[in-house]
């Protein structure tokens, strides 16, 4: 059996955002496909991206880690999948896991790997926020549905934009928005020390949309 360090040499370390009740796995925003375009569009949810400022850029070691995670996915996806599945199995004790507090999925093969990881770890609830609509649609067309413990949330692309509910429903996924007043659930973190505390709405598919304040 491989040690934790041996697993991390393949997939690199898990990230641990202070807001979250669990581990995450973030990658460099240089690998964002849709986001790399939106970051230059005023009014988009990626404009002034929080992962390109503040603590994300204040500490160079953090960006080096995010780059290593991105490289691990791109260089050997099969080895990455095996290593991170085992790493999450051993290290995540909360029963929850978040994909990409920075970064996004890299294509259909990467998304398929994330789905297989969820299937392999049925006791953990996974949350995957993404702006990669075309990749999610490609997956849905090919596979029909995601693992029951993987909640995929398609992000609205504009601040105060409506949730992409109709397309999400067709694809069997959920949504998230930024500053959308008509939402039924708003992230409470900003009123409780910027922490999730006991809220787990993002991980539950029964919550159709989660709205966040603009960072």
N, C-alpha and C. Protein backbone atom coordinates (compact mmCIF):
# COMPACT_ATOMS: atom_id res chain seq x y z
N UNK A 1 0.84 -1.20 0.00
CA UNK A 1 0.00 0.00 0.00
C UNK A 1 0.87 1.24 0.00
N UNK A 2 0.53 2.19 -0.85
CA UNK A 2 1.33 3.41 -0.94
C UNK A 2 1.10 4.30 0.27
N UNK A 3 2.13 5.02 0.65
CA UNK A 3 2.01 5.98 1.75
C UNK A 3 1.31 7.24 1.24
N UNK A 4 0.91 8.10 2.18
CA UNK A 4 0.30 9.37 1.81
C UNK A 4 1.26 10.18 0.94
N UNK A 5 2.51 10.21 1.32
CA UNK A 5 3.49 10.98 0.54
C UNK A 5 3.64 10.42 -0.87
N UNK A 6 3.58 9.11 -1.01
CA UNK A 6 3.68 8.50 -2.34
C UNK A 6 2.47 8.85 -3.19
N UNK A 7 1.29 8.86 -2.59
CA UNK A 7 0.09 9.25 -3.32
C UNK A 7 0.18 10.72 -3.74
N UNK A 8 0.64 11.57 -2.83
CA UNK A 8 0.76 13.00 -3.11
C UNK A 8 1.82 13.29 -4.17
N UNK A 9 2.77 12.39 -4.32
CA UNK A 9 3.77 12.59 -5.37
C UNK A 9 3.17 12.41 -6.75
N UNK A 10 2.01 11.77 -6.81
CA UNK A 10 1.31 11.55 -8.08
C UNK A 10 0.27 12.64 -8.34
N UNK A 11 -0.61 12.88 -7.36
CA UNK A 11 -1.72 13.83 -7.56
C UNK A 11 -1.52 15.15 -6.84
N UNK A 12 -0.47 15.27 -6.06
CA UNK A 12 -0.16 16.41 -5.21
C UNK A 12 -1.16 16.45 -4.04
N UNK A 13 -1.03 17.44 -3.18
CA UNK A 13 -1.80 17.50 -1.95
C UNK A 13 -3.25 17.93 -2.19
N UNK A 14 -4.11 17.62 -1.24
CA UNK A 14 -5.44 18.18 -1.21
C UNK A 14 -5.34 19.60 -0.65
N UNK A 15 -6.25 20.48 -1.05
CA UNK A 15 -6.27 21.83 -0.49
C UNK A 15 -7.27 21.85 0.67
N UNK A 16 -7.15 22.85 1.54
CA UNK A 16 -8.04 22.94 2.72
C UNK A 16 -8.45 24.39 2.93
N UNK A 17 -9.44 24.86 2.14
CA UNK A 17 -9.91 26.24 2.30
C UNK A 17 -10.45 26.47 3.71
N UNK A 18 -10.13 27.61 4.30
CA UNK A 18 -10.53 27.89 5.68
C UNK A 18 -12.04 27.95 5.83
N UNK A 19 -12.74 28.31 4.77
CA UNK A 19 -14.21 28.42 4.81
C UNK A 19 -14.88 27.07 4.91
N UNK A 20 -14.26 26.05 4.36
CA UNK A 20 -14.91 24.77 4.14
C UNK A 20 -14.84 23.83 5.34
N UNK A 21 -15.78 22.92 5.45
CA UNK A 21 -15.75 21.91 6.51
C UNK A 21 -14.95 20.68 6.08
N UNK A 22 -14.34 20.76 4.90
CA UNK A 22 -13.72 19.57 4.31
C UNK A 22 -12.54 19.98 3.43
N UNK A 23 -11.89 18.97 2.88
CA UNK A 23 -10.84 19.22 1.90
C UNK A 23 -11.44 19.61 0.55
N UNK A 24 -10.57 20.15 -0.28
CA UNK A 24 -10.92 20.47 -1.66
C UNK A 24 -9.74 20.08 -2.53
N UNK A 25 -9.87 20.34 -3.81
CA UNK A 25 -8.76 20.12 -4.73
C UNK A 25 -8.82 21.23 -5.75
N UNK A 26 -7.91 22.20 -5.60
CA UNK A 26 -7.94 23.34 -6.51
C UNK A 26 -6.78 23.29 -7.49
N UNK A 27 -6.96 23.94 -8.60
CA UNK A 27 -5.93 24.00 -9.64
C UNK A 27 -5.73 25.45 -10.07
N UNK A 28 -4.66 25.68 -10.76
CA UNK A 28 -4.37 27.04 -11.22
C UNK A 28 -5.45 27.53 -12.17
N UNK A 29 -5.84 28.79 -12.01
CA UNK A 29 -6.84 29.38 -12.90
C UNK A 29 -6.31 29.56 -14.32
N UNK A 30 -5.01 29.35 -14.51
CA UNK A 30 -4.46 29.38 -15.87
C UNK A 30 -5.05 28.24 -16.71
N UNK A 31 -5.61 27.23 -16.03
CA UNK A 31 -6.21 26.10 -16.73
C UNK A 31 -7.70 26.24 -16.96
N UNK A 32 -8.30 27.35 -16.52
CA UNK A 32 -9.73 27.56 -16.75
C UNK A 32 -9.97 27.85 -18.23
N UNK A 33 -10.85 27.11 -18.85
CA UNK A 33 -11.10 27.30 -20.28
C UNK A 33 -12.14 28.40 -20.50
N UNK A 34 -13.35 28.22 -20.01
CA UNK A 34 -14.36 29.28 -20.11
C UNK A 34 -13.94 30.49 -19.26
N UNK A 35 -13.44 30.22 -18.07
CA UNK A 35 -13.06 31.29 -17.15
C UNK A 35 -11.98 32.20 -17.69
N UNK A 36 -11.06 31.66 -18.48
CA UNK A 36 -9.97 32.48 -19.02
C UNK A 36 -10.49 33.54 -19.98
N UNK A 37 -11.66 33.32 -20.54
CA UNK A 37 -12.31 34.33 -21.38
C UNK A 37 -13.15 35.28 -20.54
N UNK A 38 -13.91 34.72 -19.61
CA UNK A 38 -14.81 35.53 -18.80
C UNK A 38 -14.08 36.49 -17.88
N UNK A 39 -12.85 36.15 -17.49
CA UNK A 39 -12.12 37.00 -16.55
C UNK A 39 -11.88 38.40 -17.11
N UNK A 40 -11.96 38.53 -18.43
CA UNK A 40 -11.77 39.83 -19.08
C UNK A 40 -13.08 40.53 -19.44
N UNK A 41 -14.21 39.95 -19.01
CA UNK A 41 -15.52 40.48 -19.38
C UNK A 41 -16.18 41.15 -18.17
N UNK A 42 -16.27 42.48 -18.13
CA UNK A 42 -16.95 43.15 -17.02
C UNK A 42 -18.38 42.64 -16.85
N UNK A 43 -18.76 42.40 -15.61
CA UNK A 43 -20.10 41.91 -15.34
C UNK A 43 -20.21 40.40 -15.30
N UNK A 44 -19.15 39.70 -15.72
CA UNK A 44 -19.17 38.25 -15.65
C UNK A 44 -18.80 37.80 -14.24
N UNK A 45 -19.15 36.56 -13.90
CA UNK A 45 -18.85 36.05 -12.56
C UNK A 45 -17.36 35.83 -12.36
N UNK A 46 -16.58 35.80 -13.43
CA UNK A 46 -15.14 35.60 -13.33
C UNK A 46 -14.35 36.90 -13.36
N UNK A 47 -15.01 37.99 -13.67
CA UNK A 47 -14.31 39.28 -13.74
C UNK A 47 -13.81 39.65 -12.35
N UNK A 48 -12.50 39.91 -12.24
CA UNK A 48 -11.92 40.17 -10.92
C UNK A 48 -11.88 38.92 -10.06
N UNK A 49 -11.69 37.77 -10.68
CA UNK A 49 -11.71 36.44 -10.04
C UNK A 49 -11.03 36.43 -8.68
N UNK A 50 -11.75 35.94 -7.65
CA UNK A 50 -11.19 35.91 -6.30
C UNK A 50 -9.95 35.02 -6.21
N UNK A 51 -9.85 34.03 -7.09
CA UNK A 51 -8.69 33.13 -7.07
C UNK A 51 -7.47 33.74 -7.74
N UNK A 52 -7.61 34.97 -8.23
CA UNK A 52 -6.48 35.67 -8.82
C UNK A 52 -6.06 36.87 -7.96
N UNK A 53 -6.57 36.91 -6.72
CA UNK A 53 -6.21 38.02 -5.84
C UNK A 53 -6.23 37.53 -4.40
N UNK A 54 -5.97 38.42 -3.46
CA UNK A 54 -6.00 38.07 -2.04
C UNK A 54 -4.99 36.99 -1.69
N UNK A 55 -5.40 36.08 -0.80
CA UNK A 55 -4.50 35.03 -0.35
C UNK A 55 -4.07 34.09 -1.46
N UNK A 56 -4.89 34.01 -2.51
CA UNK A 56 -4.55 33.11 -3.62
C UNK A 56 -3.29 33.58 -4.35
N UNK A 57 -3.03 34.88 -4.34
CA UNK A 57 -1.85 35.41 -5.04
C UNK A 57 -0.80 35.90 -4.07
N UNK A 58 -1.17 36.08 -2.80
CA UNK A 58 -0.24 36.62 -1.82
C UNK A 58 0.87 35.64 -1.49
N UNK A 59 0.58 34.33 -1.64
CA UNK A 59 1.54 33.31 -1.28
C UNK A 59 1.92 32.49 -2.51
N UNK A 60 3.10 32.73 -3.08
CA UNK A 60 3.53 32.03 -4.30
C UNK A 60 3.51 30.51 -4.18
N UNK A 61 3.76 29.98 -2.98
CA UNK A 61 3.77 28.53 -2.81
C UNK A 61 2.41 27.93 -3.11
N UNK A 62 1.35 28.69 -2.82
CA UNK A 62 0.00 28.20 -3.11
C UNK A 62 -0.24 28.04 -4.59
N UNK A 63 0.22 29.01 -5.39
CA UNK A 63 0.06 28.90 -6.84
C UNK A 63 0.92 27.78 -7.40
N UNK A 64 2.09 27.58 -6.83
CA UNK A 64 2.93 26.45 -7.29
C UNK A 64 2.20 25.12 -7.06
N UNK A 65 1.52 25.00 -5.92
CA UNK A 65 0.75 23.78 -5.64
C UNK A 65 -0.40 23.62 -6.62
N UNK A 66 -1.09 24.72 -6.93
CA UNK A 66 -2.21 24.64 -7.87
C UNK A 66 -1.72 24.26 -9.27
N UNK A 67 -0.56 24.75 -9.65
CA UNK A 67 0.01 24.37 -10.93
C UNK A 67 0.40 22.90 -10.96
N UNK A 68 0.93 22.39 -9.85
CA UNK A 68 1.30 20.98 -9.78
C UNK A 68 0.07 20.08 -9.90
N UNK A 69 -1.03 20.49 -9.29
CA UNK A 69 -2.26 19.70 -9.40
C UNK A 69 -2.77 19.69 -10.84
N UNK A 70 -2.71 20.83 -11.47
CA UNK A 70 -3.14 20.92 -12.87
C UNK A 70 -2.27 20.05 -13.76
N UNK A 71 -0.96 20.10 -13.54
CA UNK A 71 -0.03 19.28 -14.32
C UNK A 71 -0.27 17.80 -14.11
N UNK A 72 -0.59 17.41 -12.86
CA UNK A 72 -0.84 16.00 -12.56
C UNK A 72 -2.03 15.46 -13.34
N UNK A 73 -3.08 16.28 -13.46
CA UNK A 73 -4.27 15.89 -14.23
C UNK A 73 -3.92 15.75 -15.70
N UNK A 74 -3.18 16.69 -16.21
CA UNK A 74 -2.88 16.72 -17.64
C UNK A 74 -1.85 15.68 -18.06
N UNK A 75 -0.93 15.34 -17.18
CA UNK A 75 0.18 14.46 -17.56
C UNK A 75 -0.20 12.98 -17.54
N UNK A 76 -0.96 12.56 -16.54
CA UNK A 76 -1.31 11.13 -16.45
C UNK A 76 -2.62 11.01 -15.68
N UNK A 77 -3.74 11.17 -16.37
CA UNK A 77 -5.05 11.21 -15.73
C UNK A 77 -5.36 9.90 -15.01
N UNK A 78 -4.99 8.78 -15.59
CA UNK A 78 -5.27 7.49 -14.97
C UNK A 78 -4.57 7.34 -13.63
N UNK A 79 -3.28 7.68 -13.59
CA UNK A 79 -2.52 7.61 -12.34
C UNK A 79 -3.06 8.61 -11.33
N UNK A 80 -3.43 9.79 -11.81
CA UNK A 80 -4.00 10.82 -10.94
C UNK A 80 -5.28 10.32 -10.30
N UNK A 81 -6.15 9.72 -11.10
CA UNK A 81 -7.43 9.23 -10.57
C UNK A 81 -7.24 8.20 -9.47
N UNK A 82 -6.36 7.25 -9.69
CA UNK A 82 -6.13 6.21 -8.68
C UNK A 82 -5.55 6.80 -7.40
N UNK A 83 -4.60 7.71 -7.56
CA UNK A 83 -3.95 8.29 -6.39
C UNK A 83 -4.89 9.17 -5.58
N UNK A 84 -5.65 10.02 -6.25
CA UNK A 84 -6.51 10.93 -5.50
C UNK A 84 -7.70 10.21 -4.89
N UNK A 85 -8.18 9.16 -5.52
CA UNK A 85 -9.25 8.36 -4.92
C UNK A 85 -8.79 7.82 -3.58
N UNK A 86 -7.61 7.25 -3.55
CA UNK A 86 -7.09 6.69 -2.31
C UNK A 86 -6.76 7.78 -1.29
N UNK A 87 -6.25 8.91 -1.77
CA UNK A 87 -5.90 10.01 -0.87
C UNK A 87 -7.16 10.56 -0.19
N UNK A 88 -8.22 10.75 -0.96
CA UNK A 88 -9.48 11.24 -0.37
C UNK A 88 -10.04 10.20 0.59
N UNK A 89 -9.96 8.93 0.22
CA UNK A 89 -10.47 7.85 1.08
C UNK A 89 -9.81 7.90 2.46
N UNK A 90 -8.51 8.15 2.46
CA UNK A 90 -7.77 8.12 3.72
C UNK A 90 -7.86 9.43 4.51
N UNK A 91 -7.94 10.55 3.82
CA UNK A 91 -7.82 11.84 4.52
C UNK A 91 -9.14 12.54 4.81
N UNK A 92 -10.18 12.28 4.03
CA UNK A 92 -11.43 13.02 4.23
C UNK A 92 -12.35 12.30 5.20
N UNK A 93 -12.47 12.87 6.40
CA UNK A 93 -13.27 12.25 7.46
C UNK A 93 -14.62 12.94 7.67
N UNK A 94 -14.85 14.06 6.99
CA UNK A 94 -16.07 14.83 7.21
C UNK A 94 -17.28 14.26 6.48
N UNK A 95 -17.03 13.45 5.44
CA UNK A 95 -18.13 12.95 4.61
C UNK A 95 -18.47 13.87 3.46
N UNK A 96 -17.66 14.96 3.29
CA UNK A 96 -17.89 15.92 2.21
C UNK A 96 -16.57 16.24 1.52
N UNK A 97 -16.67 16.67 0.26
CA UNK A 97 -15.47 17.05 -0.49
C UNK A 97 -15.88 18.03 -1.57
N UNK A 98 -15.06 19.06 -1.77
CA UNK A 98 -15.34 20.04 -2.82
C UNK A 98 -14.28 19.96 -3.91
N UNK A 99 -14.72 19.97 -5.14
CA UNK A 99 -13.81 20.13 -6.27
C UNK A 99 -13.71 21.61 -6.62
N UNK A 100 -12.49 22.07 -6.79
CA UNK A 100 -12.19 23.35 -7.44
C UNK A 100 -12.72 24.60 -6.73
N UNK A 101 -12.15 24.90 -5.57
CA UNK A 101 -12.37 26.24 -5.03
C UNK A 101 -11.57 27.24 -5.86
N UNK A 102 -10.71 26.75 -6.70
CA UNK A 102 -10.08 27.51 -7.79
C UNK A 102 -9.86 26.54 -8.93
N UNK A 103 -9.97 27.04 -10.17
CA UNK A 103 -9.81 26.17 -11.32
C UNK A 103 -11.12 25.54 -11.76
N UNK A 104 -11.04 24.65 -12.76
CA UNK A 104 -12.25 24.04 -13.30
C UNK A 104 -11.87 22.74 -14.01
N UNK A 105 -12.88 22.00 -14.44
CA UNK A 105 -12.63 20.73 -15.12
C UNK A 105 -11.91 20.96 -16.44
N UNK A 106 -11.12 19.96 -16.84
CA UNK A 106 -10.24 20.09 -18.00
C UNK A 106 -10.76 19.41 -19.25
N UNK A 107 -11.95 18.86 -19.19
CA UNK A 107 -12.50 18.20 -20.37
C UNK A 107 -13.30 16.98 -19.96
N UNK A 108 -13.86 16.27 -20.93
CA UNK A 108 -14.74 15.15 -20.66
C UNK A 108 -14.03 14.02 -19.91
N UNK A 109 -12.78 13.73 -20.25
CA UNK A 109 -12.07 12.65 -19.57
C UNK A 109 -11.87 12.97 -18.09
N UNK A 110 -11.55 14.22 -17.80
CA UNK A 110 -11.38 14.65 -16.41
C UNK A 110 -12.70 14.54 -15.66
N UNK A 111 -13.79 14.97 -16.27
CA UNK A 111 -15.09 14.89 -15.63
C UNK A 111 -15.51 13.44 -15.41
N UNK A 112 -15.22 12.58 -16.36
CA UNK A 112 -15.51 11.15 -16.19
C UNK A 112 -14.72 10.58 -15.02
N UNK A 113 -13.48 11.00 -14.86
CA UNK A 113 -12.66 10.54 -13.74
C UNK A 113 -13.24 11.00 -12.41
N UNK A 114 -13.69 12.25 -12.34
CA UNK A 114 -14.31 12.77 -11.12
C UNK A 114 -15.56 11.98 -10.78
N UNK A 115 -16.35 11.63 -11.78
CA UNK A 115 -17.54 10.83 -11.54
C UNK A 115 -17.19 9.44 -11.03
N UNK A 116 -16.15 8.83 -11.59
CA UNK A 116 -15.73 7.50 -11.11
C UNK A 116 -15.22 7.57 -9.68
N UNK A 117 -14.56 8.67 -9.33
CA UNK A 117 -14.08 8.84 -7.95
C UNK A 117 -15.27 8.86 -6.99
N UNK A 118 -16.33 9.58 -7.37
CA UNK A 118 -17.54 9.61 -6.54
C UNK A 118 -18.15 8.21 -6.40
N UNK A 119 -18.19 7.48 -7.48
CA UNK A 119 -18.74 6.12 -7.44
C UNK A 119 -17.91 5.21 -6.54
N UNK A 120 -16.60 5.44 -6.52
CA UNK A 120 -15.70 4.62 -5.71
C UNK A 120 -15.76 4.98 -4.23
N UNK A 121 -16.28 6.18 -3.93
CA UNK A 121 -16.32 6.67 -2.55
C UNK A 121 -17.76 7.07 -2.19
N UNK A 122 -18.67 6.12 -2.13
CA UNK A 122 -20.10 6.42 -1.98
C UNK A 122 -20.48 7.07 -0.65
N UNK A 123 -19.61 6.99 0.35
CA UNK A 123 -19.92 7.58 1.65
C UNK A 123 -19.59 9.07 1.73
N UNK A 124 -18.97 9.60 0.67
CA UNK A 124 -18.60 11.01 0.63
C UNK A 124 -19.49 11.74 -0.37
N UNK A 125 -20.01 12.90 0.03
CA UNK A 125 -20.77 13.75 -0.88
C UNK A 125 -19.81 14.74 -1.54
N UNK A 126 -19.83 14.77 -2.86
CA UNK A 126 -18.95 15.64 -3.63
C UNK A 126 -19.74 16.79 -4.24
N UNK A 127 -19.11 17.95 -4.25
CA UNK A 127 -19.70 19.15 -4.88
C UNK A 127 -18.74 19.65 -5.95
N UNK A 128 -19.26 19.81 -7.15
CA UNK A 128 -18.46 20.27 -8.28
C UNK A 128 -19.10 21.50 -8.93
N UNK A 129 -18.62 22.71 -8.62
CA UNK A 129 -19.08 23.90 -9.33
C UNK A 129 -18.32 24.03 -10.65
N UNK A 130 -18.98 24.42 -11.71
CA UNK A 130 -18.29 24.52 -13.00
C UNK A 130 -18.97 25.52 -13.93
N UNK A 131 -18.17 26.09 -14.82
CA UNK A 131 -18.69 26.94 -15.89
C UNK A 131 -18.58 26.24 -17.24
N UNK A 132 -18.12 25.00 -17.22
CA UNK A 132 -17.89 24.26 -18.45
C UNK A 132 -19.15 23.53 -18.92
N UNK A 133 -20.13 24.31 -19.37
CA UNK A 133 -21.42 23.76 -19.81
C UNK A 133 -21.25 22.71 -20.90
N UNK A 134 -20.42 22.99 -21.88
CA UNK A 134 -20.29 22.06 -23.01
C UNK A 134 -19.76 20.70 -22.57
N UNK A 135 -18.86 20.70 -21.59
CA UNK A 135 -18.31 19.43 -21.09
C UNK A 135 -19.37 18.66 -20.30
N UNK A 136 -20.13 19.37 -19.48
CA UNK A 136 -21.21 18.73 -18.73
C UNK A 136 -22.25 18.15 -19.69
N UNK A 137 -22.58 18.88 -20.73
CA UNK A 137 -23.53 18.40 -21.72
C UNK A 137 -22.99 17.16 -22.44
N UNK A 138 -21.72 17.19 -22.75
CA UNK A 138 -21.07 16.05 -23.41
C UNK A 138 -21.15 14.80 -22.52
N UNK A 139 -20.91 14.99 -21.23
CA UNK A 139 -20.98 13.88 -20.28
C UNK A 139 -22.41 13.33 -20.22
N UNK A 140 -23.38 14.24 -20.08
CA UNK A 140 -24.79 13.81 -19.96
C UNK A 140 -25.25 13.05 -21.19
N UNK A 141 -24.82 13.49 -22.36
CA UNK A 141 -25.19 12.82 -23.60
C UNK A 141 -24.59 11.42 -23.65
N UNK A 142 -23.38 11.28 -23.14
CA UNK A 142 -22.66 10.02 -23.22
C UNK A 142 -23.08 9.04 -22.12
N UNK A 143 -23.32 9.57 -20.91
CA UNK A 143 -23.53 8.69 -19.75
C UNK A 143 -24.93 8.78 -19.14
N UNK A 144 -25.67 9.80 -19.45
CA UNK A 144 -27.02 9.92 -18.91
C UNK A 144 -27.12 10.65 -17.60
N UNK A 145 -26.41 10.20 -16.59
CA UNK A 145 -26.49 10.86 -15.30
C UNK A 145 -25.19 10.69 -14.52
N UNK A 146 -25.05 11.56 -13.53
CA UNK A 146 -23.87 11.54 -12.67
C UNK A 146 -24.11 10.63 -11.46
N UNK A 147 -23.03 10.30 -10.77
CA UNK A 147 -23.13 9.55 -9.52
C UNK A 147 -24.06 10.28 -8.56
N UNK A 148 -24.85 9.55 -7.79
CA UNK A 148 -25.84 10.17 -6.91
C UNK A 148 -25.21 11.01 -5.80
N UNK A 149 -23.96 10.76 -5.48
CA UNK A 149 -23.27 11.52 -4.42
C UNK A 149 -22.38 12.62 -5.00
N UNK A 150 -22.57 12.96 -6.28
CA UNK A 150 -21.83 14.05 -6.91
C UNK A 150 -22.83 15.11 -7.36
N UNK A 151 -22.81 16.26 -6.69
CA UNK A 151 -23.69 17.37 -7.07
C UNK A 151 -22.92 18.34 -7.94
N UNK A 152 -23.29 18.38 -9.21
CA UNK A 152 -22.67 19.29 -10.18
C UNK A 152 -23.52 20.56 -10.24
N UNK A 153 -22.89 21.72 -10.12
CA UNK A 153 -23.62 22.99 -10.19
C UNK A 153 -23.08 23.83 -11.35
N UNK A 154 -23.93 24.03 -12.34
CA UNK A 154 -23.59 24.92 -13.45
C UNK A 154 -23.73 26.36 -12.99
N UNK A 155 -22.70 27.14 -13.22
CA UNK A 155 -22.71 28.52 -12.79
C UNK A 155 -23.33 29.44 -13.84
N UNK A 156 -24.16 30.39 -13.36
CA UNK A 156 -24.58 31.48 -14.24
C UNK A 156 -23.33 32.27 -14.61
N UNK A 157 -23.29 32.80 -15.81
CA UNK A 157 -22.07 33.45 -16.28
C UNK A 157 -22.01 34.94 -15.97
N UNK A 158 -23.14 35.53 -15.59
CA UNK A 158 -23.16 36.97 -15.30
C UNK A 158 -23.57 37.23 -13.86
N UNK A 159 -22.98 38.25 -13.25
CA UNK A 159 -23.40 38.69 -11.93
C UNK A 159 -24.84 39.20 -12.04
N UNK A 160 -25.69 38.75 -11.14
CA UNK A 160 -27.12 39.03 -11.13
C UNK A 160 -27.85 38.33 -12.28
N UNK A 161 -27.17 37.44 -12.97
CA UNK A 161 -27.81 36.67 -14.03
C UNK A 161 -28.66 35.55 -13.45
N UNK A 162 -29.71 35.17 -14.17
CA UNK A 162 -30.60 34.13 -13.69
C UNK A 162 -29.91 32.77 -13.75
N UNK A 163 -30.38 31.86 -12.91
CA UNK A 163 -29.83 30.50 -12.90
C UNK A 163 -30.13 29.81 -14.23
N UNK A 164 -29.16 29.07 -14.77
CA UNK A 164 -29.40 28.33 -16.02
C UNK A 164 -30.21 27.07 -15.75
N UNK A 165 -31.39 27.26 -15.18
CA UNK A 165 -32.18 26.14 -14.66
C UNK A 165 -32.67 25.19 -15.73
N UNK A 166 -33.13 25.72 -16.86
CA UNK A 166 -33.73 24.85 -17.87
C UNK A 166 -32.70 23.90 -18.46
N UNK A 167 -31.53 24.42 -18.79
CA UNK A 167 -30.49 23.54 -19.33
C UNK A 167 -29.98 22.59 -18.27
N UNK A 168 -29.87 23.07 -17.02
CA UNK A 168 -29.41 22.21 -15.94
C UNK A 168 -30.37 21.04 -15.73
N UNK A 169 -31.66 21.33 -15.79
CA UNK A 169 -32.66 20.27 -15.61
C UNK A 169 -32.54 19.21 -16.70
N UNK A 170 -32.32 19.66 -17.93
CA UNK A 170 -32.16 18.70 -19.04
C UNK A 170 -30.93 17.82 -18.84
N UNK A 171 -29.90 18.38 -18.20
CA UNK A 171 -28.65 17.64 -18.03
C UNK A 171 -28.60 16.88 -16.70
N UNK A 172 -29.61 17.09 -15.87
CA UNK A 172 -29.66 16.38 -14.59
C UNK A 172 -28.70 16.93 -13.56
N UNK A 173 -28.45 18.24 -13.58
CA UNK A 173 -27.53 18.84 -12.63
C UNK A 173 -28.20 20.02 -11.93
N UNK A 174 -27.45 20.70 -11.07
CA UNK A 174 -27.96 21.83 -10.31
C UNK A 174 -27.28 23.11 -10.78
N UNK A 175 -27.57 24.23 -10.10
CA UNK A 175 -27.03 25.51 -10.54
C UNK A 175 -26.50 26.35 -9.38
N UNK A 176 -25.77 27.39 -9.74
CA UNK A 176 -25.35 28.41 -8.78
C UNK A 176 -25.37 29.76 -9.48
N UNK A 177 -25.56 30.81 -8.69
CA UNK A 177 -25.63 32.16 -9.23
C UNK A 177 -24.85 33.10 -8.33
N UNK A 178 -24.68 34.33 -8.81
CA UNK A 178 -24.01 35.38 -8.03
C UNK A 178 -24.90 36.62 -8.04
N UNK A 179 -25.44 36.94 -6.88
CA UNK A 179 -26.27 38.15 -6.77
C UNK A 179 -27.61 38.07 -7.46
N UNK A 180 -28.18 36.86 -7.57
CA UNK A 180 -29.50 36.69 -8.20
C UNK A 180 -30.57 36.75 -7.12
N UNK A 181 -31.37 37.79 -7.14
CA UNK A 181 -32.32 38.05 -6.05
C UNK A 181 -33.46 37.05 -5.98
N UNK A 182 -33.75 36.36 -7.06
CA UNK A 182 -34.89 35.45 -7.08
C UNK A 182 -34.56 34.06 -6.53
N UNK A 183 -33.35 33.86 -6.07
CA UNK A 183 -32.96 32.54 -5.59
C UNK A 183 -33.73 32.16 -4.33
N UNK A 184 -33.90 30.86 -4.11
CA UNK A 184 -34.55 30.39 -2.89
C UNK A 184 -33.55 30.12 -1.78
N UNK A 185 -32.27 30.00 -2.15
CA UNK A 185 -31.25 29.77 -1.11
C UNK A 185 -30.03 30.64 -1.38
N UNK A 186 -29.63 31.41 -0.39
CA UNK A 186 -28.45 32.24 -0.47
C UNK A 186 -27.38 31.71 0.49
N UNK A 187 -26.17 31.64 0.03
CA UNK A 187 -25.06 31.18 0.88
C UNK A 187 -24.98 32.06 2.12
N UNK A 188 -25.00 31.46 3.32
CA UNK A 188 -25.00 32.26 4.55
C UNK A 188 -23.61 32.64 5.05
N UNK A 189 -22.56 32.24 4.35
CA UNK A 189 -21.20 32.38 4.88
C UNK A 189 -20.84 33.81 5.25
N UNK A 190 -21.28 34.78 4.44
CA UNK A 190 -20.89 36.17 4.69
C UNK A 190 -21.44 36.70 6.01
N UNK A 191 -22.46 36.05 6.55
CA UNK A 191 -23.05 36.48 7.81
C UNK A 191 -22.59 35.63 8.99
N UNK A 192 -21.67 34.70 8.73
CA UNK A 192 -21.19 33.84 9.81
C UNK A 192 -19.68 33.61 9.70
N UNK A 193 -18.96 34.74 9.59
CA UNK A 193 -17.50 34.68 9.61
C UNK A 193 -16.87 34.11 8.37
N UNK A 194 -17.59 34.18 7.24
CA UNK A 194 -17.12 33.62 5.98
C UNK A 194 -16.79 32.14 6.09
N UNK A 195 -17.66 31.42 6.79
CA UNK A 195 -17.50 29.97 6.94
C UNK A 195 -18.82 29.27 6.66
N UNK A 196 -18.73 28.02 6.23
CA UNK A 196 -19.94 27.24 5.99
C UNK A 196 -20.68 26.93 7.28
N UNK A 197 -19.93 26.81 8.39
CA UNK A 197 -20.51 26.37 9.67
C UNK A 197 -21.25 25.05 9.44
N UNK A 198 -22.57 25.01 9.77
CA UNK A 198 -23.29 23.74 9.61
C UNK A 198 -24.09 23.67 8.30
N UNK A 199 -23.92 24.65 7.41
CA UNK A 199 -24.62 24.62 6.12
C UNK A 199 -23.92 23.66 5.16
N UNK A 200 -24.70 22.82 4.49
CA UNK A 200 -24.15 21.90 3.49
C UNK A 200 -24.98 21.96 2.20
N UNK A 201 -25.67 23.07 1.99
CA UNK A 201 -26.57 23.18 0.84
C UNK A 201 -25.87 22.91 -0.48
N UNK A 202 -24.64 23.39 -0.64
CA UNK A 202 -23.93 23.24 -1.91
C UNK A 202 -23.76 21.78 -2.32
N UNK A 203 -23.69 20.90 -1.34
CA UNK A 203 -23.45 19.48 -1.60
C UNK A 203 -24.73 18.69 -1.86
N UNK A 204 -25.88 19.31 -1.63
CA UNK A 204 -27.13 18.56 -1.71
C UNK A 204 -27.90 18.89 -2.99
N UNK A 205 -28.17 17.87 -3.75
CA UNK A 205 -28.88 18.06 -5.02
C UNK A 205 -30.32 18.50 -4.81
N UNK A 206 -30.84 18.35 -3.58
CA UNK A 206 -32.21 18.79 -3.30
C UNK A 206 -32.31 20.32 -3.29
N UNK A 207 -31.17 21.01 -3.17
CA UNK A 207 -31.14 22.48 -3.24
C UNK A 207 -30.83 22.85 -4.69
N UNK A 208 -31.84 23.28 -5.41
CA UNK A 208 -31.70 23.48 -6.85
C UNK A 208 -30.65 24.52 -7.20
N UNK A 209 -30.66 25.64 -6.48
CA UNK A 209 -29.71 26.73 -6.78
C UNK A 209 -29.18 27.33 -5.49
N UNK A 210 -27.89 27.64 -5.49
CA UNK A 210 -27.27 28.37 -4.39
C UNK A 210 -26.74 29.67 -4.95
N UNK A 211 -27.08 30.78 -4.30
CA UNK A 211 -26.60 32.08 -4.74
C UNK A 211 -25.50 32.57 -3.81
N UNK A 212 -24.45 33.16 -4.39
CA UNK A 212 -23.31 33.65 -3.64
C UNK A 212 -23.15 35.16 -3.84
N UNK A 213 -22.59 35.85 -2.85
CA UNK A 213 -22.26 37.26 -3.06
C UNK A 213 -21.06 37.37 -3.98
N UNK A 214 -20.93 38.47 -4.69
CA UNK A 214 -19.78 38.67 -5.57
C UNK A 214 -18.56 38.93 -4.72
N UNK A 215 -17.47 38.19 -4.96
CA UNK A 215 -16.23 38.34 -4.18
C UNK A 215 -15.49 39.59 -4.61
